[in-house]
PDB file of N, CA and C in Angstrom:
ATOM      1  N   MET A   1       9.889 -25.002   5.703  1.00  0.00           N
ATOM      2  CA  MET A   1       9.391 -24.355   4.589  1.00  0.00           C
ATOM      3  C   MET A   1       7.973 -24.108   4.775  1.00  0.00           C
ATOM      4  N   ASN A   2       7.515 -22.889   4.460  1.00  0.00           N
ATOM      5  CA  ASN A   2       6.149 -22.493   4.385  1.00  0.00           C
ATOM      6  C   ASN A   2       5.594 -22.411   3.039  1.00  0.00           C
ATOM      7  N   LYS A   3       4.256 -22.584   2.936  1.00  0.00           N
ATOM      8  CA  LYS A   3       3.591 -22.556   1.585  1.00  0.00           C
ATOM      9  C   LYS A   3       3.007 -21.076   1.528  1.00  0.00           C
ATOM     10  N   TYR A   4       3.297 -20.497   0.352  1.00  0.00           N
ATOM     11  CA  TYR A   4       2.840 -19.167   0.060  1.00  0.00           C
ATOM     12  C   TYR A   4       2.073 -19.111  -1.300  1.00  0.00           C
ATOM     13  N   GLU A   5       1.209 -18.133  -1.384  1.00  0.00           N
ATOM     14  CA  GLU A   5       0.566 -17.871  -2.661  1.00  0.00           C
ATOM     15  C   GLU A   5       0.710 -16.428  -3.051  1.00  0.00           C
ATOM     16  N   LEU A   6       1.180 -16.124  -4.335  1.00  0.00           N
ATOM     17  CA  LEU A   6       1.369 -14.862  -4.882  1.00  0.00           C
ATOM     18  C   LEU A   6       0.250 -14.548  -5.901  1.00  0.00           C
ATOM     19  N   ALA A   7      -0.599 -13.626  -5.663  1.00  0.00           N
ATOM     20  CA  ALA A   7      -1.670 -13.274  -6.559  1.00  0.00           C
ATOM     21  C   ALA A   7      -1.082 -12.075  -7.280  1.00  0.00           C
ATOM     22  N   VAL A   8      -1.075 -12.177  -8.647  1.00  0.00           N
ATOM     23  CA  VAL A   8      -0.641 -10.993  -9.442  1.00  0.00           C
ATOM     24  C   VAL A   8      -1.693 -10.619 -10.506  1.00  0.00           C
ATOM     25  N   VAL A   9      -1.943  -9.438 -10.501  1.00  0.00           N
ATOM     26  CA  VAL A   9      -2.988  -8.828 -11.486  1.00  0.00           C
ATOM     27  C   VAL A   9      -2.107  -7.998 -12.581  1.00  0.00           C
ATOM     28  N   VAL A  10      -2.046  -8.524 -13.734  1.00  0.00           N
ATOM     29  CA  VAL A  10      -1.314  -7.951 -14.799  1.00  0.00           C
ATOM     30  C   VAL A  10      -2.176  -7.094 -15.736  1.00  0.00           C
ATOM     31  N   SER A  11      -1.627  -6.096 -16.298  1.00  0.00           N
ATOM     32  CA  SER A  11      -2.399  -5.199 -17.153  1.00  0.00           C
ATOM     33  C   SER A  11      -2.791  -5.945 -18.486  1.00  0.00           C
ATOM     34  N   ALA A  12      -4.003  -5.698 -18.906  1.00  0.00           N
ATOM     35  CA  ALA A  12      -4.574  -6.317 -20.107  1.00  0.00           C
ATOM     36  C   ALA A  12      -4.243  -5.507 -21.308  1.00  0.00           C
ATOM     37  N   GLN A  13      -3.534  -4.375 -21.197  1.00  0.00           N
ATOM     38  CA  GLN A  13      -3.341  -3.519 -22.286  1.00  0.00           C
ATOM     39  C   GLN A  13      -1.881  -3.655 -22.961  1.00  0.00           C
ATOM     40  N   ILE A  14      -1.300  -4.680 -22.606  1.00  0.00           N
ATOM     41  CA  ILE A  14       0.159  -5.082 -23.045  1.00  0.00           C
ATOM     42  C   ILE A  14       0.001  -6.338 -23.932  1.00  0.00           C
ATOM     43  N   GLU A  15       1.042  -6.541 -24.811  1.00  0.00           N
ATOM     44  CA  GLU A  15       1.045  -7.667 -25.660  1.00  0.00           C
ATOM     45  C   GLU A  15       1.204  -8.936 -24.907  1.00  0.00           C
ATOM     46  N   ASP A  16       0.858 -10.156 -25.580  1.00  0.00           N
ATOM     47  CA  ASP A  16       0.945 -11.416 -24.903  1.00  0.00           C
ATOM     48  C   ASP A  16       2.410 -11.673 -24.446  1.00  0.00           C
ATOM     49  N   GLU A  17       3.516 -11.223 -25.330  1.00  0.00           N
ATOM     50  CA  GLU A  17       4.821 -11.579 -24.932  1.00  0.00           C
ATOM     51  C   GLU A  17       5.203 -10.891 -23.722  1.00  0.00           C
ATOM     52  N   ALA A  18       4.781  -9.492 -23.731  1.00  0.00           N
ATOM     53  CA  ALA A  18       5.108  -8.775 -22.473  1.00  0.00           C
ATOM     54  C   ALA A  18       4.377  -9.289 -21.193  1.00  0.00           C
ATOM     55  N   ARG A  19       3.282  -9.779 -21.378  1.00  0.00           N
ATOM     56  CA  ARG A  19       2.611 -10.309 -20.149  1.00  0.00           C
ATOM     57  C   ARG A  19       3.245 -11.625 -19.718  1.00  0.00           C
ATOM     58  N   THR A  20       3.683 -12.393 -20.635  1.00  0.00           N
ATOM     59  CA  THR A  20       4.358 -13.728 -20.352  1.00  0.00           C
ATOM     60  C   THR A  20       5.809 -13.413 -19.715  1.00  0.00           C
ATOM     61  N   ALA A  21       6.386 -12.252 -20.228  1.00  0.00           N
ATOM     62  CA  ALA A  21       7.652 -11.980 -19.653  1.00  0.00           C
ATOM     63  C   ALA A  21       7.537 -11.359 -18.245  1.00  0.00           C
ATOM     64  N   THR A  22       6.353 -10.717 -17.939  1.00  0.00           N
ATOM     65  CA  THR A  22       6.120 -10.269 -16.610  1.00  0.00           C
ATOM     66  C   THR A  22       5.937 -11.416 -15.641  1.00  0.00           C
ATOM     67  N   VAL A  23       5.185 -12.322 -16.041  1.00  0.00           N
ATOM     68  CA  VAL A  23       5.037 -13.587 -15.202  1.00  0.00           C
ATOM     69  C   VAL A  23       6.324 -14.332 -14.903  1.00  0.00           C
ATOM     70  N   GLU A  24       7.081 -14.480 -16.029  1.00  0.00           N
ATOM     71  CA  GLU A  24       8.367 -15.083 -15.903  1.00  0.00           C
ATOM     72  C   GLU A  24       9.389 -14.262 -14.778  1.00  0.00           C
ATOM     73  N   LYS A  25       9.202 -12.917 -14.966  1.00  0.00           N
ATOM     74  CA  LYS A  25      10.076 -12.122 -14.032  1.00  0.00           C
ATOM     75  C   LYS A  25       9.571 -12.367 -12.602  1.00  0.00           C
ATOM     76  N   CYS A  26       8.252 -12.576 -12.401  1.00  0.00           N
ATOM     77  CA  CYS A  26       7.738 -12.922 -11.093  1.00  0.00           C
ATOM     78  C   CYS A  26       8.322 -14.224 -10.576  1.00  0.00           C
ATOM     79  N   LYS A  27       8.314 -15.206 -11.438  1.00  0.00           N
ATOM     80  CA  LYS A  27       8.873 -16.551 -11.146  1.00  0.00           C
ATOM     81  C   LYS A  27      10.299 -16.396 -10.767  1.00  0.00           C
ATOM     82  N   THR A  28      11.164 -15.733 -11.550  1.00  0.00           N
ATOM     83  CA  THR A  28      12.587 -15.655 -11.224  1.00  0.00           C
ATOM     84  C   THR A  28      12.754 -14.905  -9.950  1.00  0.00           C
ATOM     85  N   LEU A  29      11.976 -13.905  -9.635  1.00  0.00           N
ATOM     86  CA  LEU A  29      12.051 -13.270  -8.322  1.00  0.00           C
ATOM     87  C   LEU A  29      11.942 -14.263  -7.143  1.00  0.00           C
ATOM     88  N   ILE A  30      10.874 -15.128  -7.302  1.00  0.00           N
ATOM     89  CA  ILE A  30      10.644 -16.054  -6.192  1.00  0.00           C
ATOM     90  C   ILE A  30      11.786 -16.918  -6.104  1.00  0.00           C
ATOM     91  N   GLU A  31      12.235 -17.503  -7.135  1.00  0.00           N
ATOM     92  CA  GLU A  31      13.484 -18.449  -7.179  1.00  0.00           C
ATOM     93  C   GLU A  31      14.659 -17.862  -6.723  1.00  0.00           C
ATOM     94  N   ARG A  32      14.881 -16.526  -7.049  1.00  0.00           N
ATOM     95  CA  ARG A  32      16.120 -15.872  -6.623  1.00  0.00           C
ATOM     96  C   ARG A  32      16.170 -15.779  -5.118  1.00  0.00           C
ATOM     97  N   PHE A  33      15.012 -15.469  -4.451  1.00  0.00           N
ATOM     98  CA  PHE A  33      15.026 -15.278  -2.978  1.00  0.00           C
ATOM     99  C   PHE A  33      14.674 -16.517  -2.272  1.00  0.00           C
ATOM    100  N   GLY A  34      14.991 -17.752  -2.787  1.00  0.00           N
ATOM    101  CA  GLY A  34      14.933 -18.943  -2.080  1.00  0.00           C
ATOM    102  C   GLY A  34      13.554 -19.622  -2.096  1.00  0.00           C
ATOM    103  N   GLY A  35      12.667 -19.345  -2.999  1.00  0.00           N
ATOM    104  CA  GLY A  35      11.451 -20.035  -3.180  1.00  0.00           C
ATOM    105  C   GLY A  35      11.460 -21.107  -4.134  1.00  0.00           C
ATOM    106  N   THR A  36      10.527 -22.084  -3.986  1.00  0.00           N
ATOM    107  CA  THR A  36      10.398 -23.211  -5.002  1.00  0.00           C
ATOM    108  C   THR A  36       8.955 -23.176  -5.508  1.00  0.00           C
ATOM    109  N   ILE A  37       8.837 -22.938  -6.726  1.00  0.00           N
ATOM    110  CA  ILE A  37       7.422 -22.860  -7.251  1.00  0.00           C
ATOM    111  C   ILE A  37       6.862 -24.176  -7.381  1.00  0.00           C
ATOM    112  N   THR A  38       5.605 -24.385  -6.869  1.00  0.00           N
ATOM    113  CA  THR A  38       4.848 -25.628  -6.892  1.00  0.00           C
ATOM    114  C   THR A  38       3.765 -25.654  -7.927  1.00  0.00           C
ATOM    115  N   ASN A  39       3.067 -24.457  -8.230  1.00  0.00           N
ATOM    116  CA  ASN A  39       2.004 -24.444  -9.135  1.00  0.00           C
ATOM    117  C   ASN A  39       1.762 -23.021  -9.642  1.00  0.00           C
ATOM    118  N   ILE A  40       1.293 -22.862 -10.839  1.00  0.00           N
ATOM    119  CA  ILE A  40       1.010 -21.654 -11.368  1.00  0.00           C
ATOM    120  C   ILE A  40      -0.482 -21.717 -11.976  1.00  0.00           C
ATOM    121  N   ASP A  41      -1.354 -20.950 -11.496  1.00  0.00           N
ATOM    122  CA  ASP A  41      -2.787 -21.062 -12.074  1.00  0.00           C
ATOM    123  C   ASP A  41      -3.136 -19.708 -12.682  1.00  0.00           C
ATOM    124  N   GLU A  42      -3.200 -19.910 -14.077  1.00  0.00           N
ATOM    125  CA  GLU A  42      -3.607 -18.676 -14.821  1.00  0.00           C
ATOM    126  C   GLU A  42      -5.116 -18.557 -14.792  1.00  0.00           C
ATOM    127  N   GLN A  43      -5.773 -17.601 -14.344  1.00  0.00           N
ATOM    128  CA  GLN A  43      -7.134 -17.457 -14.354  1.00  0.00           C
ATOM    129  C   GLN A  43      -7.652 -16.836 -15.561  1.00  0.00           C
ATOM    130  N   GLY A  44      -6.831 -16.011 -16.408  1.00  0.00           N
ATOM    131  CA  GLY A  44      -7.186 -15.477 -17.611  1.00  0.00           C
ATOM    132  C   GLY A  44      -7.641 -14.055 -17.349  1.00  0.00           C
ATOM    133  N   LYS A  45      -8.244 -13.462 -18.362  1.00  0.00           N
ATOM    134  CA  LYS A  45      -8.613 -12.072 -18.394  1.00  0.00           C
ATOM    135  C   LYS A  45      -9.980 -11.932 -17.645  1.00  0.00           C
ATOM    136  N   LYS A  46     -10.091 -11.012 -16.732  1.00  0.00           N
ATOM    137  CA  LYS A  46     -11.351 -10.792 -16.018  1.00  0.00           C
ATOM    138  C   LYS A  46     -11.553  -9.348 -15.814  1.00  0.00           C
ATOM    139  N   ARG A  47     -12.716  -9.003 -15.464  1.00  0.00           N
ATOM    140  CA  ARG A  47     -13.203  -7.473 -15.278  1.00  0.00           C
ATOM    141  C   ARG A  47     -12.756  -7.262 -13.867  1.00  0.00           C
ATOM    142  N   LEU A  48     -12.240  -6.112 -13.614  1.00  0.00           N
ATOM    143  CA  LEU A  48     -11.786  -5.605 -12.275  1.00  0.00           C
ATOM    144  C   LEU A  48     -12.972  -5.158 -11.566  1.00  0.00           C
ATOM    145  N   ALA A  49     -12.924  -5.197 -10.317  1.00  0.00           N
ATOM    146  CA  ALA A  49     -14.107  -4.715  -9.441  1.00  0.00           C
ATOM    147  C   ALA A  49     -14.193  -3.208  -9.511  1.00  0.00           C
ATOM    148  N   TYR A  50     -13.098  -2.513  -9.687  1.00  0.00           N
ATOM    149  CA  TYR A  50     -13.059  -1.092  -9.787  1.00  0.00           C
ATOM    150  C   TYR A  50     -11.835  -0.710 -10.743  1.00  0.00           C
ATOM    151  N   GLU A  51     -11.897   0.345 -11.267  1.00  0.00           N
ATOM    152  CA  GLU A  51     -10.859   0.840 -12.305  1.00  0.00           C
ATOM    153  C   GLU A  51      -9.569   1.102 -11.536  1.00  0.00           C
ATOM    154  N   ILE A  52      -8.566   0.488 -12.227  1.00  0.00           N
ATOM    155  CA  ILE A  52      -7.185   0.736 -11.660  1.00  0.00           C
ATOM    156  C   ILE A  52      -6.369   1.325 -12.921  1.00  0.00           C
ATOM    157  N   GLN A  53      -5.796   2.363 -12.716  1.00  0.00           N
ATOM    158  CA  GLN A  53      -4.936   3.041 -13.760  1.00  0.00           C
ATOM    159  C   GLN A  53      -5.734   3.135 -14.960  1.00  0.00           C
ATOM    160  N   LYS A  54      -6.974   3.461 -14.943  1.00  0.00           N
ATOM    161  CA  LYS A  54      -7.849   3.650 -16.099  1.00  0.00           C
ATOM    162  C   LYS A  54      -8.023   2.417 -16.852  1.00  0.00           C
ATOM    163  N   GLN A  55      -8.047   1.219 -16.190  1.00  0.00           N
ATOM    164  CA  GLN A  55      -8.154   0.013 -16.796  1.00  0.00           C
ATOM    165  C   GLN A  55      -9.316  -0.732 -16.082  1.00  0.00           C
ATOM    166  N   ASN A  56     -10.224  -1.362 -16.932  1.00  0.00           N
ATOM    167  CA  ASN A  56     -11.357  -2.136 -16.372  1.00  0.00           C
ATOM    168  C   ASN A  56     -11.119  -3.682 -16.427  1.00  0.00           C
ATOM    169  N   GLU A  57     -10.059  -4.135 -17.192  1.00  0.00           N
ATOM    170  CA  GLU A  57      -9.812  -5.558 -17.246  1.00  0.00           C
ATOM    171  C   GLU A  57      -8.390  -5.848 -16.973  1.00  0.00           C
ATOM    172  N   ALA A  58      -8.008  -7.030 -16.575  1.00  0.00           N
ATOM    173  CA  ALA A  58      -6.719  -7.447 -16.318  1.00  0.00           C
ATOM    174  C   ALA A  58      -6.654  -9.003 -16.303  1.00  0.00           C
ATOM    175  N   TYR A  59      -5.419  -9.467 -16.321  1.00  0.00           N
ATOM    176  CA  TYR A  59      -5.115 -10.934 -16.334  1.00  0.00           C
ATOM    177  C   TYR A  59      -4.675 -11.346 -14.930  1.00  0.00           C
ATOM    178  N   TYR A  60      -5.140 -12.438 -14.352  1.00  0.00           N
ATOM    179  CA  TYR A  60      -5.009 -12.822 -13.021  1.00  0.00           C
ATOM    180  C   TYR A  60      -4.188 -14.084 -13.022  1.00  0.00           C
ATOM    181  N   TYR A  61      -3.168 -14.160 -12.120  1.00  0.00           N
ATOM    182  CA  TYR A  61      -2.238 -15.315 -12.038  1.00  0.00           C
ATOM    183  C   TYR A  61      -2.118 -15.565 -10.538  1.00  0.00           C
ATOM    184  N   PHE A  62      -2.085 -16.813 -10.107  1.00  0.00           N
ATOM    185  CA  PHE A  62      -1.914 -17.270  -8.912  1.00  0.00           C
ATOM    186  C   PHE A  62      -0.689 -18.213  -8.814  1.00  0.00           C
ATOM    187  N   ILE A  63       0.438 -17.830  -8.123  1.00  0.00           N
ATOM    188  CA  ILE A  63       1.661 -18.520  -8.073  1.00  0.00           C
ATOM    189  C   ILE A  63       1.874 -19.094  -6.783  1.00  0.00           C
ATOM    190  N   GLN A  64       1.791 -20.414  -6.498  1.00  0.00           N
ATOM    191  CA  GLN A  64       1.950 -21.101  -5.365  1.00  0.00           C
ATOM    192  C   GLN A  64       3.404 -21.534  -5.141  1.00  0.00           C
ATOM    193  N   PHE A  65       4.042 -21.178  -4.047  1.00  0.00           N
ATOM    194  CA  PHE A  65       5.486 -21.610  -3.803  1.00  0.00           C
ATOM    195  C   PHE A  65       5.829 -21.770  -2.408  1.00  0.00           C
ATOM    196  N   ASP A  66       6.887 -22.597  -2.267  1.00  0.00           N
ATOM    197  CA  ASP A  66       7.421 -22.907  -0.851  1.00  0.00           C
ATOM    198  C   ASP A  66       8.643 -22.012  -0.630  1.00  0.00           C
ATOM    199  N   ALA A  67       8.683 -21.521   0.499  1.00  0.00           N
ATOM    200  CA  ALA A  67       9.793 -20.610   0.954  1.00  0.00           C
ATOM    201  C   ALA A  67       9.839 -20.509   2.459  1.00  0.00           C
ATOM    202  N   ASP A  68      11.029 -20.145   3.007  1.00  0.00           N
ATOM    203  CA  ASP A  68      11.204 -19.891   4.441  1.00  0.00           C
ATOM    204  C   ASP A  68      10.708 -18.582   4.902  1.00  0.00           C
ATOM    205  N   GLY A  69      10.304 -17.661   3.992  1.00  0.00           N
ATOM    206  CA  GLY A  69       9.688 -16.465   4.414  1.00  0.00           C
ATOM    207  C   GLY A  69      10.709 -15.235   4.582  1.00  0.00           C
ATOM    208  N   SER A  70      11.878 -15.490   4.449  1.00  0.00           N
ATOM    209  CA  SER A  70      12.804 -14.437   4.743  1.00  0.00           C
ATOM    210  C   SER A  70      13.019 -13.538   3.504  1.00  0.00           C
ATOM    211  N   GLY A  71      12.648 -13.958   2.273  1.00  0.00           N
ATOM    212  CA  GLY A  71      12.787 -13.185   1.074  1.00  0.00           C
ATOM    213  C   GLY A  71      11.510 -12.543   0.696  1.00  0.00           C
ATOM    214  N   ASN A  72      10.362 -12.718   1.411  1.00  0.00           N
ATOM    215  CA  ASN A  72       9.155 -12.216   0.868  1.00  0.00           C
ATOM    216  C   ASN A  72       9.026 -10.711   0.902  1.00  0.00           C
ATOM    217  N   ALA A  73       9.739 -10.087   1.794  1.00  0.00           N
ATOM    218  CA  ALA A  73       9.723  -8.613   1.759  1.00  0.00           C
ATOM    219  C   ALA A  73      10.436  -8.075   0.518  1.00  0.00           C
ATOM    220  N   GLU A  74      11.448  -8.707   0.234  1.00  0.00           N
ATOM    221  CA  GLU A  74      12.289  -8.385  -1.057  1.00  0.00           C
ATOM    222  C   GLU A  74      11.516  -8.573  -2.238  1.00  0.00           C
ATOM    223  N   ILE A  75      10.620  -9.828  -2.299  1.00  0.00           N
ATOM    224  CA  ILE A  75       9.905  -9.971  -3.410  1.00  0.00           C
ATOM    225  C   ILE A  75       8.801  -8.949  -3.673  1.00  0.00           C
ATOM    226  N   GLU A  76       8.210  -8.593  -2.520  1.00  0.00           N
ATOM    227  CA  GLU A  76       7.250  -7.557  -2.613  1.00  0.00           C
ATOM    228  C   GLU A  76       7.730  -6.215  -2.995  1.00  0.00           C
ATOM    229  N   ALA A  77       8.853  -5.947  -2.505  1.00  0.00           N
ATOM    230  CA  ALA A  77       9.412  -4.593  -2.913  1.00  0.00           C
ATOM    231  C   ALA A  77       9.808  -4.552  -4.357  1.00  0.00           C
ATOM    232  N   ARG A  78      10.139  -5.619  -4.886  1.00  0.00           N
ATOM    233  CA  ARG A  78      10.479  -5.694  -6.335  1.00  0.00           C
ATOM    234  C   ARG A  78       9.145  -5.723  -7.327  1.00  0.00           C
ATOM    235  N   MET A  79       8.140  -6.446  -6.746  1.00  0.00           N
ATOM    236  CA  MET A  79       6.879  -6.344  -7.437  1.00  0.00           C
ATOM    237  C   MET A  79       6.309  -5.002  -7.456  1.00  0.00           C
ATOM    238  N   ARG A  80       6.451  -4.241  -6.421  1.00  0.00           N
ATOM    239  CA  ARG A  80       5.854  -2.909  -6.290  1.00  0.00           C
ATOM    240  C   ARG A  80       6.371  -1.993  -7.525  1.00  0.00           C
ATOM    241  N   ILE A  81       7.536  -2.160  -8.015  1.00  0.00           N
ATOM    242  CA  ILE A  81       8.048  -1.204  -8.993  1.00  0.00           C
ATOM    243  C   ILE A  81       8.003  -1.898 -10.421  1.00  0.00           C
ATOM    244  N   MET A  82       7.341  -3.165 -10.571  1.00  0.00           N
ATOM    245  CA  MET A  82       7.033  -3.669 -11.838  1.00  0.00           C
ATOM    246  C   MET A  82       5.906  -2.815 -12.574  1.00  0.00           C
ATOM    247  N   ALA A  83       6.183  -2.301 -13.793  1.00  0.00           N
ATOM    248  CA  ALA A  83       5.247  -1.408 -14.559  1.00  0.00           C
ATOM    249  C   ALA A  83       3.994  -2.100 -14.920  1.00  0.00           C
ATOM    250  N   ASN A  84       3.966  -3.332 -15.328  1.00  0.00           N
ATOM    251  CA  ASN A  84       2.758  -3.996 -15.830  1.00  0.00           C
ATOM    252  C   ASN A  84       2.081  -4.729 -14.818  1.00  0.00           C
ATOM    253  N   VAL A  85       2.474  -4.642 -13.625  1.00  0.00           N
ATOM    254  CA  VAL A  85       1.827  -5.373 -12.450  1.00  0.00           C
ATOM    255  C   VAL A  85       0.835  -4.203 -11.813  1.00  0.00           C
ATOM    256  N   LEU A  86      -0.536  -4.462 -11.853  1.00  0.00           N
ATOM    257  CA  LEU A  86      -1.438  -3.442 -11.362  1.00  0.00           C
ATOM    258  C   LEU A  86      -1.505  -3.647  -9.802  1.00  0.00           C
ATOM    259  N   ARG A  87      -1.597  -4.989  -9.417  1.00  0.00           N
ATOM    260  CA  ARG A  87      -1.709  -5.304  -7.982  1.00  0.00           C
ATOM    261  C   ARG A  87      -1.228  -6.675  -7.719  1.00  0.00           C
ATOM    262  N   TYR A  88      -0.686  -6.897  -6.396  1.00  0.00           N
ATOM    263  CA  TYR A  88      -0.189  -8.118  -6.067  1.00  0.00           C
ATOM    264  C   TYR A  88      -0.495  -8.370  -4.621  1.00  0.00           C
ATOM    265  N   LEU A  89      -0.465  -9.606  -4.240  1.00  0.00           N
ATOM    266  CA  LEU A  89      -0.623  -9.880  -2.904  1.00  0.00           C
ATOM    267  C   LEU A  89       0.019 -11.196  -2.626  1.00  0.00           C
ATOM    268  N   CYS A  90       0.810 -11.336  -1.516  1.00  0.00           N
ATOM    269  CA  CYS A  90       1.511 -12.518  -1.171  1.00  0.00           C
ATOM    270  C   CYS A  90       0.951 -12.927   0.148  1.00  0.00           C
ATOM    271  N   VAL A  91       0.409 -14.079   0.276  1.00  0.00           N
ATOM    272  CA  VAL A  91      -0.163 -14.568   1.509  1.00  0.00           C
ATOM    273  C   VAL A  91       0.382 -15.997   1.895  1.00  0.00           C
ATOM    274  N   ARG A  92       0.345 -16.280   3.103  1.00  0.00           N
ATOM    275  CA  ARG A  92       0.877 -17.633   3.636  1.00  0.00           C
ATOM    276  C   ARG A  92      -0.377 -18.496   3.677  1.00  0.00           C
ATOM    277  N   GLN A  93      -0.291 -19.702   3.107  1.00  0.00           N
ATOM    278  CA  GLN A  93      -1.420 -20.582   3.130  1.00  0.00           C
ATOM    279  C   GLN A  93      -1.440 -21.365   4.433  1.00  0.00           C
ATOM    280  N   ASN A  94      -2.649 -21.863   4.793  1.00  0.00           N
ATOM    281  CA  ASN A  94      -2.770 -22.720   5.991  1.00  0.00           C
ATOM    282  C   ASN A  94      -2.235 -24.137   5.615  1.00  0.00           C
ATOM    283  N   GLU A  95      -1.844 -24.741   6.650  1.00  0.00           N
ATOM    284  CA  GLU A  95      -1.424 -26.166   6.494  1.00  0.00           C
ATOM    285  C   GLU A  95      -2.356 -27.289   6.595  1.00  0.00           C
ATOM    286  N   ALA A  96      -3.746 -26.802   6.458  1.00  0.00           N
ATOM    287  CA  ALA A  96      -4.814 -27.729   6.630  1.00  0.00           C
ATOM    288  C   ALA A  96      -4.982 -28.727   5.592  1.00  0.00           C
TER     289      ALA A  96
END
């Protein structure tokens, strides 16, 4: 199993319940495709470096998980079409 981190930037223009549901949907995607979530780090609302979809602020989440890597392409494909997710990035963490 490899260690991965999924960074998710969620729109600040939605309600708290919708934002929580978006993060829960990300977690279920990871678990559905063979991942085991180890940690979720909510960074809170931050100012974006540049405007994305006419928004200047967003909520940042970092989800660490263990997976074999075979489902990462499918996770990213499903994250791409989520309406409330402005940006995402899934990276493999070093074993150091």
